[in-house]
Amino acid sequence: MITTTSTGRNTTANTTLATSSQFPSDFAGTYADSNALATALGQSAQVRECLARQFFRSSSGRSDDSVANAEQSFVNMWKQMSSDQQGKFVEVLVAYVRSPLFDQRSAP
């Protein structure tokens, strides 16, 4: 799709995301615009899992190697939730707070 900017220049709204052995993705493809890309990202299992990891990191205030096992345990717990619950921050937060992971603390 080609659109014209307010300065009269043509711009292309489409983009192509490639996959590779170094960065395999389940959302590779060509997208007509940002809405199509956002839809694909929203349906991506990889993006949803990344969101769960980032949720753990921000909720725990840690992302260093010392919490890697706890982070993976959280992601495993998150994967056991229904897909509907996985996408609801409140449900994920409640599950995290109710889990033993929330009580585990270690010195930085």
PDB file of N, CA and C in Angstrom:
ATOM      1  N   MET A   1       0.844  -1.164   0.000  1.00  0.00           N
ATOM      2  CA  MET A   1       0.000   0.000   0.000  1.00  0.00           C
ATOM      3  C   MET A   1       0.899   1.239   0.000  1.00  0.00           C
ATOM      4  N   ILE A   2       0.640   2.143  -0.896  1.00  0.00           N
ATOM      5  CA  ILE A   2       1.403   3.393  -0.968  1.00  0.00           C
ATOM      6  C   ILE A   2       0.482   4.523  -0.547  1.00  0.00           C
ATOM      7  N   THR A   3       0.952   5.327   0.373  1.00  0.00           N
ATOM      8  CA  THR A   3       0.188   6.490   0.815  1.00  0.00           C
ATOM      9  C   THR A   3       1.034   7.733   0.625  1.00  0.00           C
ATOM     10  N   THR A   4       0.371   8.873   0.635  1.00  0.00           N
ATOM     11  CA  THR A   4       1.067  10.143   0.475  1.00  0.00           C
ATOM     12  C   THR A   4       1.093  10.856   1.818  1.00  0.00           C
ATOM     13  N   THR A   5       2.262  11.351   2.212  1.00  0.00           N
ATOM     14  CA  THR A   5       2.400  12.066   3.473  1.00  0.00           C
ATOM     15  C   THR A   5       1.948  13.508   3.310  1.00  0.00           C
ATOM     16  N   SER A   6       1.903  14.224   4.411  1.00  0.00           N
ATOM     17  CA  SER A   6       1.481  15.627   4.363  1.00  0.00           C
ATOM     18  C   SER A   6       2.471  16.487   3.581  1.00  0.00           C
ATOM     19  N   THR A   7       3.695  15.988   3.396  1.00  0.00           N
ATOM     20  CA  THR A   7       4.686  16.736   2.618  1.00  0.00           C
ATOM     21  C   THR A   7       4.635  16.363   1.144  1.00  0.00           C
ATOM     22  N   GLY A   8       3.707  15.476   0.769  1.00  0.00           N
ATOM     23  CA  GLY A   8       3.562  15.094  -0.621  1.00  0.00           C
ATOM     24  C   GLY A   8       4.446  13.935  -1.044  1.00  0.00           C
ATOM     25  N   ARG A   9       5.180  13.367  -0.130  1.00  0.00           N
ATOM     26  CA  ARG A   9       6.043  12.216  -0.463  1.00  0.00           C
ATOM     27  C   ARG A   9       5.265  10.910  -0.347  1.00  0.00           C
ATOM     28  N   ASN A  10       5.587   9.994  -1.214  1.00  0.00           N
ATOM     29  CA  ASN A  10       4.975   8.673  -1.153  1.00  0.00           C
ATOM     30  C   ASN A  10       5.721   7.823  -0.137  1.00  0.00           C
ATOM     31  N   THR A  11       4.979   7.035   0.590  1.00  0.00           N
ATOM     32  CA  THR A  11       5.577   6.121   1.551  1.00  0.00           C
ATOM     33  C   THR A  11       4.860   4.780   1.448  1.00  0.00           C
ATOM     34  N   THR A  12       5.567   3.735   1.735  1.00  0.00           N
ATOM     35  CA  THR A  12       5.008   2.394   1.679  1.00  0.00           C
ATOM     36  C   THR A  12       4.720   1.921   3.096  1.00  0.00           C
ATOM     37  N   ALA A  13       3.519   1.455   3.327  1.00  0.00           N
ATOM     38  CA  ALA A  13       3.113   1.024   4.656  1.00  0.00           C
ATOM     39  C   ALA A  13       3.355  -0.462   4.884  1.00  0.00           C
ATOM     40  N   ASN A  14       3.667  -1.205   3.824  1.00  0.00           N
ATOM     41  CA  ASN A  14       3.848  -2.640   4.004  1.00  0.00           C
ATOM     42  C   ASN A  14       5.263  -2.971   4.473  1.00  0.00           C
ATOM     43  N   THR A  15       5.384  -4.141   5.072  1.00  0.00           N
ATOM     44  CA  THR A  15       6.690  -4.595   5.546  1.00  0.00           C
ATOM     45  C   THR A  15       6.745  -6.108   5.481  1.00  0.00           C
ATOM     46  N   THR A  16       7.964  -6.625   5.409  1.00  0.00           N
ATOM     47  CA  THR A  16       8.171  -8.061   5.404  1.00  0.00           C
ATOM     48  C   THR A  16       9.116  -8.420   6.540  1.00  0.00           C
ATOM     49  N   LEU A  17       8.716  -9.387   7.344  1.00  0.00           N
ATOM     50  CA  LEU A  17       9.556  -9.916   8.410  1.00  0.00           C
ATOM     51  C   LEU A  17       9.983 -11.311   8.013  1.00  0.00           C
ATOM     52  N   ALA A  18      11.277 -11.521   8.002  1.00  0.00           N
ATOM     53  CA  ALA A  18      11.813 -12.822   7.614  1.00  0.00           C
ATOM     54  C   ALA A  18      12.166 -13.632   8.853  1.00  0.00           C
ATOM     55  N   THR A  19      12.220 -14.921   8.694  1.00  0.00           N
ATOM     56  CA  THR A  19      12.673 -15.806   9.758  1.00  0.00           C
ATOM     57  C   THR A  19      14.013 -16.371   9.358  1.00  0.00           C
ATOM     58  N   SER A  20      14.809 -16.742  10.331  1.00  0.00           N
ATOM     59  CA  SER A  20      16.115 -17.320  10.042  1.00  0.00           C
ATOM     60  C   SER A  20      16.446 -18.334  11.122  1.00  0.00           C
ATOM     61  N   SER A  21      17.545 -19.052  10.936  1.00  0.00           N
ATOM     62  CA  SER A  21      17.942 -20.016  11.959  1.00  0.00           C
ATOM     63  C   SER A  21      18.354 -19.305  13.244  1.00  0.00           C
ATOM     64  N   GLN A  22      18.855 -18.071  13.126  1.00  0.00           N
ATOM     65  CA  GLN A  22      19.239 -17.309  14.316  1.00  0.00           C
ATOM     66  C   GLN A  22      18.038 -16.662  14.984  1.00  0.00           C
ATOM     67  N   PHE A  23      17.010 -16.349  14.215  1.00  0.00           N
ATOM     68  CA  PHE A  23      15.804 -15.729  14.753  1.00  0.00           C
ATOM     69  C   PHE A  23      14.576 -16.370  14.125  1.00  0.00           C
ATOM     70  N   PRO A  24      14.274 -17.592  14.549  1.00  0.00           N
ATOM     71  CA  PRO A  24      13.064 -18.216  14.014  1.00  0.00           C
ATOM     72  C   PRO A  24      11.835 -17.526  14.609  1.00  0.00           C
ATOM     73  N   SER A  25      10.832 -17.321  13.802  1.00  0.00           N
ATOM     74  CA  SER A  25       9.628 -16.671  14.321  1.00  0.00           C
ATOM     75  C   SER A  25       8.380 -17.310  13.739  1.00  0.00           C
ATOM     76  N   ASP A  26       7.325 -17.239  14.516  1.00  0.00           N
ATOM     77  CA  ASP A  26       6.049 -17.749  14.037  1.00  0.00           C
ATOM     78  C   ASP A  26       5.184 -16.627  13.467  1.00  0.00           C
ATOM     79  N   PHE A  27       5.798 -15.467  13.234  1.00  0.00           N
ATOM     80  CA  PHE A  27       5.059 -14.344  12.654  1.00  0.00           C
ATOM     81  C   PHE A  27       5.749 -13.778  11.417  1.00  0.00           C
ATOM     82  N   ALA A  28       6.632 -14.568  10.804  1.00  0.00           N
ATOM     83  CA  ALA A  28       7.284 -14.125   9.569  1.00  0.00           C
ATOM     84  C   ALA A  28       6.238 -14.005   8.471  1.00  0.00           C
ATOM     85  N   GLY A  29       6.415 -13.007   7.623  1.00  0.00           N
ATOM     86  CA  GLY A  29       5.489 -12.821   6.515  1.00  0.00           C
ATOM     87  C   GLY A  29       5.499 -11.391   6.035  1.00  0.00           C
ATOM     88  N   THR A  30       4.661 -11.111   5.086  1.00  0.00           N
ATOM     89  CA  THR A  30       4.518  -9.763   4.549  1.00  0.00           C
ATOM     90  C   THR A  30       3.191  -9.204   5.034  1.00  0.00           C
ATOM     91  N   TYR A  31       3.242  -7.973   5.522  1.00  0.00           N
ATOM     92  CA  TYR A  31       2.067  -7.332   6.109  1.00  0.00           C
ATOM     93  C   TYR A  31       1.772  -6.030   5.373  1.00  0.00           C
ATOM     94  N   ALA A  32       0.508  -5.819   5.078  1.00  0.00           N
ATOM     95  CA  ALA A  32       0.097  -4.654   4.295  1.00  0.00           C
ATOM     96  C   ALA A  32       0.262  -3.350   5.061  1.00  0.00           C
ATOM     97  N   ASP A  33       0.114  -3.421   6.380  1.00  0.00           N
ATOM     98  CA  ASP A  33       0.208  -2.196   7.180  1.00  0.00           C
ATOM     99  C   ASP A  33       0.447  -2.569   8.642  1.00  0.00           C
ATOM    100  N   SER A  34       0.523  -1.565   9.493  1.00  0.00           N
ATOM    101  CA  SER A  34       0.811  -1.812  10.909  1.00  0.00           C
ATOM    102  C   SER A  34      -0.322  -2.569  11.594  1.00  0.00           C
ATOM    103  N   ASN A  35      -1.543  -2.396  11.137  1.00  0.00           N
ATOM    104  CA  ASN A  35      -2.654  -3.146  11.727  1.00  0.00           C
ATOM    105  C   ASN A  35      -2.502  -4.641  11.472  1.00  0.00           C
ATOM    106  N   ALA A  36      -2.116  -5.001  10.265  1.00  0.00           N
ATOM    107  CA  ALA A  36      -1.919  -6.413   9.934  1.00  0.00           C
ATOM    108  C   ALA A  36      -0.752  -6.997  10.736  1.00  0.00           C
ATOM    109  N   LEU A  37       0.314  -6.221  10.881  1.00  0.00           N
ATOM    110  CA  LEU A  37       1.456  -6.685  11.675  1.00  0.00           C
ATOM    111  C   LEU A  37       1.050  -6.834  13.137  1.00  0.00           C
ATOM    112  N   ALA A  38       0.327  -5.877  13.686  1.00  0.00           N
ATOM    113  CA  ALA A  38      -0.109  -5.952  15.078  1.00  0.00           C
ATOM    114  C   ALA A  38      -1.007  -7.167  15.308  1.00  0.00           C
ATOM    115  N   THR A  39      -1.861  -7.461  14.351  1.00  0.00           N
ATOM    116  CA  THR A  39      -2.720  -8.644  14.459  1.00  0.00           C
ATOM    117  C   THR A  39      -1.881  -9.916  14.500  1.00  0.00           C
ATOM    118  N   ALA A  40      -0.896 -10.015  13.618  1.00  0.00           N
ATOM    119  CA  ALA A  40      -0.025 -11.191  13.592  1.00  0.00           C
ATOM    120  C   ALA A  40       0.757 -11.325  14.888  1.00  0.00           C
ATOM    121  N   LEU A  41       1.279 -10.215  15.390  1.00  0.00           N
ATOM    122  CA  LEU A  41       2.027 -10.254  16.654  1.00  0.00           C
ATOM    123  C   LEU A  41       1.112 -10.671  17.806  1.00  0.00           C
ATOM    124  N   GLY A  42      -0.123 -10.202  17.787  1.00  0.00           N
ATOM    125  CA  GLY A  42      -1.073 -10.560  18.826  1.00  0.00           C
ATOM    126  C   GLY A  42      -1.455 -12.028  18.819  1.00  0.00           C
ATOM    127  N   GLN A  43      -1.327 -12.679  17.682  1.00  0.00           N
ATOM    128  CA  GLN A  43      -1.662 -14.093  17.558  1.00  0.00           C
ATOM    129  C   GLN A  43      -0.436 -14.994  17.712  1.00  0.00           C
ATOM    130  N   SER A  44       0.731 -14.419  17.872  1.00  0.00           N
ATOM    131  CA  SER A  44       1.969 -15.180  17.937  1.00  0.00           C
ATOM    132  C   SER A  44       2.196 -15.796  19.317  1.00  0.00           C
ATOM    133  N   ALA A  45       2.420 -17.102  19.338  1.00  0.00           N
ATOM    134  CA  ALA A  45       2.744 -17.786  20.592  1.00  0.00           C
ATOM    135  C   ALA A  45       4.082 -17.285  21.141  1.00  0.00           C
ATOM    136  N   GLN A  46       5.025 -16.990  20.258  1.00  0.00           N
ATOM    137  CA  GLN A  46       6.328 -16.479  20.700  1.00  0.00           C
ATOM    138  C   GLN A  46       6.182 -15.127  21.382  1.00  0.00           C
ATOM    139  N   VAL A  47       5.383 -14.259  20.833  1.00  0.00           N
ATOM    140  CA  VAL A  47       5.196 -12.931  21.412  1.00  0.00           C
ATOM    141  C   VAL A  47       4.473 -13.042  22.744  1.00  0.00           C
ATOM    142  N   ARG A  48       3.466 -13.911  22.826  1.00  0.00           N
ATOM    143  CA  ARG A  48       2.746 -14.088  24.092  1.00  0.00           C
ATOM    144  C   ARG A  48       3.689 -14.621  25.171  1.00  0.00           C
ATOM    145  N   GLU A  49       4.560 -15.581  24.811  1.00  0.00           N
ATOM    146  CA  GLU A  49       5.509 -16.099  25.808  1.00  0.00           C
ATOM    147  C   GLU A  49       6.497 -15.020  26.221  1.00  0.00           C
ATOM    148  N   CYS A  50       6.935 -14.213  25.288  1.00  0.00           N
ATOM    149  CA  CYS A  50       7.839 -13.107  25.604  1.00  0.00           C
ATOM    150  C   CYS A  50       7.156 -12.138  26.570  1.00  0.00           C
ATOM    151  N   LEU A  51       5.880 -11.887  26.337  1.00  0.00           N
ATOM    152  CA  LEU A  51       5.126 -11.015  27.228  1.00  0.00           C
ATOM    153  C   LEU A  51       5.082 -11.599  28.636  1.00  0.00           C
ATOM    154  N   ALA A  52       4.900 -12.915  28.738  1.00  0.00           N
ATOM    155  CA  ALA A  52       4.888 -13.562  30.057  1.00  0.00           C
ATOM    156  C   ALA A  52       6.245 -13.389  30.743  1.00  0.00           C
ATOM    157  N   ARG A  53       7.328 -13.566  30.001  1.00  0.00           N
ATOM    158  CA  ARG A  53       8.667 -13.374  30.583  1.00  0.00           C
ATOM    159  C   ARG A  53       8.857 -11.938  31.067  1.00  0.00           C
ATOM    160  N   GLN A  54       8.427 -10.989  30.257  1.00  0.00           N
ATOM    161  CA  GLN A  54       8.566  -9.590  30.648  1.00  0.00           C
ATOM    162  C   GLN A  54       7.681  -9.259  31.841  1.00  0.00           C
ATOM    163  N   PHE A  55       6.533  -9.885  31.916  1.00  0.00           N
ATOM    164  CA  PHE A  55       5.657  -9.707  33.070  1.00  0.00           C
ATOM    165  C   PHE A  55       6.364 -10.193  34.329  1.00  0.00           C
ATOM    166  N   PHE A  56       6.972 -11.375  34.266  1.00  0.00           N
ATOM    167  CA  PHE A  56       7.697 -11.902  35.426  1.00  0.00           C
ATOM    168  C   PHE A  56       8.827 -10.958  35.822  1.00  0.00           C
ATOM    169  N   ARG A  57       9.597 -10.539  34.845  1.00  0.00           N
ATOM    170  CA  ARG A  57      10.744  -9.677  35.129  1.00  0.00           C
ATOM    171  C   ARG A  57      10.314  -8.364  35.784  1.00  0.00           C
ATOM    172  N   SER A  58       9.265  -7.765  35.278  1.00  0.00           N
ATOM    173  CA  SER A  58       8.836  -6.495  35.861  1.00  0.00           C
ATOM    174  C   SER A  58       8.172  -6.707  37.218  1.00  0.00           C
ATOM    175  N   SER A  59       7.439  -7.787  37.390  1.00  0.00           N
ATOM    176  CA  SER A  59       6.777  -8.056  38.664  1.00  0.00           C
ATOM    177  C   SER A  59       7.757  -8.422  39.762  1.00  0.00           C
ATOM    178  N   SER A  60       8.811  -9.117  39.393  1.00  0.00           N
ATOM    179  CA  SER A  60       9.790  -9.539  40.392  1.00  0.00           C
ATOM    180  C   SER A  60      10.899  -8.509  40.575  1.00  0.00           C
ATOM    181  N   GLY A  61      11.007  -7.594  39.622  1.00  0.00           N
ATOM    182  CA  GLY A  61      12.064  -6.592  39.701  1.00  0.00           C
ATOM    183  C   GLY A  61      13.436  -7.164  39.410  1.00  0.00           C
ATOM    184  N   ARG A  62      13.461  -8.319  38.770  1.00  0.00           N
ATOM    185  CA  ARG A  62      14.739  -8.986  38.490  1.00  0.00           C
ATOM    186  C   ARG A  62      14.699  -9.619  37.106  1.00  0.00           C
ATOM    187  N   SER A  63      15.843  -9.666  36.454  1.00  0.00           N
ATOM    188  CA  SER A  63      15.934 -10.370  35.174  1.00  0.00           C
ATOM    189  C   SER A  63      17.312 -10.989  34.991  1.00  0.00           C
ATOM    190  N   ASP A  64      18.120 -11.001  36.034  1.00  0.00           N
ATOM    191  CA  ASP A  64      19.476 -11.519  35.905  1.00  0.00           C
ATOM    192  C   ASP A  64      19.465 -13.050  35.931  1.00  0.00           C
ATOM    193  N   ASP A  65      20.629 -13.623  35.702  1.00  0.00           N
ATOM    194  CA  ASP A  65      20.751 -15.082  35.614  1.00  0.00           C
ATOM    195  C   ASP A  65      20.338 -15.799  36.891  1.00  0.00           C
ATOM    196  N   SER A  66      20.415 -15.114  38.037  1.00  0.00           N
ATOM    197  CA  SER A  66      20.088 -15.775  39.298  1.00  0.00           C
ATOM    198  C   SER A  66      18.601 -16.128  39.412  1.00  0.00           C
ATOM    199  N   VAL A  67      17.763 -15.532  38.602  1.00  0.00           N
ATOM    200  CA  VAL A  67      16.327 -15.832  38.650  1.00  0.00           C
ATOM    201  C   VAL A  67      15.842 -16.558  37.396  1.00  0.00           C
ATOM    202  N   ALA A  68      16.768 -17.049  36.602  1.00  0.00           N
ATOM    203  CA  ALA A  68      16.390 -17.721  35.350  1.00  0.00           C
ATOM    204  C   ALA A  68      15.489 -18.928  35.600  1.00  0.00           C
ATOM    205  N   ASN A  69      15.774 -19.711  36.626  1.00  0.00           N
ATOM    206  CA  ASN A  69      14.938 -20.881  36.915  1.00  0.00           C
ATOM    207  C   ASN A  69      13.543 -20.463  37.359  1.00  0.00           C
ATOM    208  N   ALA A  70      13.461 -19.440  38.197  1.00  0.00           N
ATOM    209  CA  ALA A  70      12.153 -18.938  38.640  1.00  0.00           C
ATOM    210  C   ALA A  70      11.380 -18.377  37.449  1.00  0.00           C
ATOM    211  N   GLU A  71      12.083 -17.668  36.563  1.00  0.00           N
ATOM    212  CA  GLU A  71      11.428 -17.123  35.374  1.00  0.00           C
ATOM    213  C   GLU A  71      10.850 -18.243  34.521  1.00  0.00           C
ATOM    214  N   GLN A  72      11.635 -19.292  34.294  1.00  0.00           N
ATOM    215  CA  GLN A  72      11.144 -20.414  33.486  1.00  0.00           C
ATOM    216  C   GLN A  72       9.983 -21.108  34.185  1.00  0.00           C
ATOM    217  N   SER A  73      10.036 -21.217  35.507  1.00  0.00           N
ATOM    218  CA  SER A  73       8.922 -21.813  36.252  1.00  0.00           C
ATOM    219  C   SER A  73       7.655 -20.981  36.074  1.00  0.00           C
ATOM    220  N   PHE A  74       7.812 -19.661  36.094  1.00  0.00           N
ATOM    221  CA  PHE A  74       6.664 -18.787  35.871  1.00  0.00           C
ATOM    222  C   PHE A  74       6.094 -18.999  34.477  1.00  0.00           C
ATOM    223  N   VAL A  75       6.960 -19.045  33.475  1.00  0.00           N
ATOM    224  CA  VAL A  75       6.489 -19.250  32.094  1.00  0.00           C
ATOM    225  C   VAL A  75       5.776 -20.595  31.987  1.00  0.00           C
ATOM    226  N   ASN A  76       6.315 -21.630  32.628  1.00  0.00           N
ATOM    227  CA  ASN A  76       5.660 -22.939  32.604  1.00  0.00           C
ATOM    228  C   ASN A  76       4.281 -22.875  33.269  1.00  0.00           C
ATOM    229  N   MET A  77       4.184 -22.146  34.395  1.00  0.00           N
ATOM    230  CA  MET A  77       2.903 -21.965  35.070  1.00  0.00           C
ATOM    231  C   MET A  77       1.937 -21.211  34.146  1.00  0.00           C
ATOM    232  N   TRP A  78       2.443 -20.157  33.503  1.00  0.00           N
ATOM    233  CA  TRP A  78       1.634 -19.349  32.586  1.00  0.00           C
ATOM    234  C   TRP A  78       1.100 -20.205  31.439  1.00  0.00           C
ATOM    235  N   LYS A  79       1.923 -21.115  30.915  1.00  0.00           N
ATOM    236  CA  LYS A  79       1.500 -21.984  29.808  1.00  0.00           C
ATOM    237  C   LYS A  79       0.359 -22.909  30.214  1.00  0.00           C
ATOM    238  N   GLN A  80       0.242 -23.202  31.519  1.00  0.00           N
ATOM    239  CA  GLN A  80      -0.832 -24.077  31.994  1.00  0.00           C
ATOM    240  C   GLN A  80      -2.167 -23.342  32.101  1.00  0.00           C
ATOM    241  N   MET A  81      -2.120 -22.017  32.058  1.00  0.00           N
ATOM    242  CA  MET A  81      -3.352 -21.224  32.109  1.00  0.00           C
ATOM    243  C   MET A  81      -4.082 -21.336  30.770  1.00  0.00           C
ATOM    244  N   SER A  82      -5.375 -21.118  30.783  1.00  0.00           N
ATOM    245  CA  SER A  82      -6.120 -21.133  29.518  1.00  0.00           C
ATOM    246  C   SER A  82      -5.653 -19.954  28.667  1.00  0.00           C
ATOM    247  N   SER A  83      -5.812 -20.073  27.362  1.00  0.00           N
ATOM    248  CA  SER A  83      -5.363 -18.996  26.476  1.00  0.00           C
ATOM    249  C   SER A  83      -6.112 -17.700  26.772  1.00  0.00           C
ATOM    250  N   ASP A  84      -7.351 -17.812  27.209  1.00  0.00           N
ATOM    251  CA  ASP A  84      -8.118 -16.622  27.577  1.00  0.00           C
ATOM    252  C   ASP A  84      -7.489 -15.934  28.797  1.00  0.00           C
ATOM    253  N   GLN A  85      -7.103 -16.721  29.798  1.00  0.00           N
ATOM    254  CA  GLN A  85      -6.480 -16.161  31.000  1.00  0.00           C
ATOM    255  C   GLN A  85      -5.092 -15.610  30.706  1.00  0.00           C
ATOM    256  N   GLN A  86      -4.348 -16.258  29.822  1.00  0.00           N
ATOM    257  CA  GLN A  86      -2.991 -15.810  29.492  1.00  0.00           C
ATOM    258  C   GLN A  86      -2.972 -14.372  28.994  1.00  0.00           C
ATOM    259  N   GLY A  87      -4.015 -13.961  28.354  1.00  0.00           N
ATOM    260  CA  GLY A  87      -4.056 -12.627  27.780  1.00  0.00           C
ATOM    261  C   GLY A  87      -4.625 -11.560  28.700  1.00  0.00           C
ATOM    262  N   LYS A  88      -4.942 -11.921  29.918  1.00  0.00           N
ATOM    263  CA  LYS A  88      -5.518 -10.961  30.864  1.00  0.00           C
ATOM    264  C   LYS A  88      -4.515 -10.702  31.984  1.00  0.00           C
ATOM    265  N   PHE A  89      -4.020  -9.474  32.040  1.00  0.00           N
ATOM    266  CA  PHE A  89      -2.989  -9.139  33.018  1.00  0.00           C
ATOM    267  C   PHE A  89      -3.429  -9.419  34.452  1.00  0.00           C
ATOM    268  N   VAL A  90      -4.674  -9.121  34.761  1.00  0.00           N
ATOM    269  CA  VAL A  90      -5.145  -9.349  36.127  1.00  0.00           C
ATOM    270  C   VAL A  90      -5.090 -10.832  36.466  1.00  0.00           C
ATOM    271  N   GLU A  91      -5.524 -11.679  35.540  1.00  0.00           N
ATOM    272  CA  GLU A  91      -5.491 -13.128  35.781  1.00  0.00           C
ATOM    273  C   GLU A  91      -4.052 -13.625  35.959  1.00  0.00           C
ATOM    274  N   VAL A  92      -3.147 -13.112  35.142  1.00  0.00           N
ATOM    275  CA  VAL A  92      -1.742 -13.518  35.245  1.00  0.00           C
ATOM    276  C   VAL A  92      -1.155 -13.041  36.570  1.00  0.00           C
ATOM    277  N   LEU A  93      -1.466 -11.819  36.960  1.00  0.00           N
ATOM    278  CA  LEU A  93      -0.969 -11.277  38.221  1.00  0.00           C
ATOM    279  C   LEU A  93      -1.492 -12.077  39.402  1.00  0.00           C
ATOM    280  N   VAL A  94      -2.767 -12.394  39.413  1.00  0.00           N
ATOM    281  CA  VAL A  94      -3.350 -13.182  40.498  1.00  0.00           C
ATOM    282  C   VAL A  94      -2.697 -14.563  40.563  1.00  0.00           C
ATOM    283  N   ALA A  95      -2.505 -15.190  39.416  1.00  0.00           N
ATOM    284  CA  ALA A  95      -1.855 -16.508  39.392  1.00  0.00           C
ATOM    285  C   ALA A  95      -0.434 -16.417  39.936  1.00  0.00           C
ATOM    286  N   TYR A  96       0.274 -15.366  39.588  1.00  0.00           N
ATOM    287  CA  TYR A  96       1.647 -15.181  40.069  1.00  0.00           C
ATOM    288  C   TYR A  96       1.662 -14.973  41.581  1.00  0.00           C
ATOM    289  N   VAL A  97       0.792 -14.121  42.083  1.00  0.00           N
ATOM    290  CA  VAL A  97       0.763 -13.823  43.519  1.00  0.00           C
ATOM    291  C   VAL A  97       0.361 -15.053  44.321  1.00  0.00           C
ATOM    292  N   ARG A  98      -0.479 -15.886  43.772  1.00  0.00           N
ATOM    293  CA  ARG A  98      -0.909 -17.108  44.468  1.00  0.00           C
ATOM    294  C   ARG A  98       0.118 -18.230  44.371  1.00  0.00           C
ATOM    295  N   SER A  99       1.085 -18.086  43.491  1.00  0.00           N
ATOM    296  CA  SER A  99       2.067 -19.160  43.294  1.00  0.00           C
ATOM    297  C   SER A  99       3.190 -19.085  44.329  1.00  0.00           C
ATOM    298  N   PRO A 100       3.884 -20.206  44.544  1.00  0.00           N
ATOM    299  CA  PRO A 100       5.029 -20.210  45.452  1.00  0.00           C
ATOM    300  C   PRO A 100       6.156 -19.288  44.963  1.00  0.00           C
ATOM    301  N   LEU A 101       6.183 -18.993  43.678  1.00  0.00           N
ATOM    302  CA  LEU A 101       7.231 -18.121  43.137  1.00  0.00           C
ATOM    303  C   LEU A 101       7.187 -16.729  43.748  1.00  0.00           C
ATOM    304  N   PHE A 102       5.986 -16.276  44.088  1.00  0.00           N
ATOM    305  CA  PHE A 102       5.835 -14.933  44.640  1.00  0.00           C
ATOM    306  C   PHE A 102       6.487 -14.823  46.015  1.00  0.00           C
ATOM    307  N   ASP A 103       6.471 -15.918  46.766  1.00  0.00           N
ATOM    308  CA  ASP A 103       7.059 -15.924  48.108  1.00  0.00           C
ATOM    309  C   ASP A 103       8.561 -16.124  48.106  1.00  0.00           C
ATOM    310  N   GLN A 104       9.096 -16.648  47.019  1.00  0.00           N
ATOM    311  CA  GLN A 104      10.535 -16.924  46.959  1.00  0.00           C
ATOM    312  C   GLN A 104      11.292 -15.632  46.728  1.00  0.00           C
ATOM    313  N   ARG A 105      12.222 -15.378  47.595  1.00  0.00           N
ATOM    314  CA  ARG A 105      13.063 -14.184  47.453  1.00  0.00           C
ATOM    315  C   ARG A 105      14.505 -14.607  47.646  1.00  0.00           C
ATOM    316  N   SER A 106      15.385 -13.962  46.952  1.00  0.00           N
ATOM    317  CA  SER A 106      16.815 -14.216  47.140  1.00  0.00           C
ATOM    318  C   SER A 106      17.529 -12.887  47.131  1.00  0.00           C
ATOM    319  N   ALA A 107      18.649 -12.843  47.781  1.00  0.00           N
ATOM    320  CA  ALA A 107      19.436 -11.606  47.834  1.00  0.00           C
ATOM    321  C   ALA A 107      20.032 -11.340  46.461  1.00  0.00           C
ATOM    322  N   PRO A 108      20.038 -10.075  46.043  1.00  0.00           N
ATOM    323  CA  PRO A 108      20.614  -9.765  44.724  1.00  0.00           C
ATOM    324  C   PRO A 108      22.110 -10.019  44.673  1.00  0.00           C
TER     325      PRO A 108
END
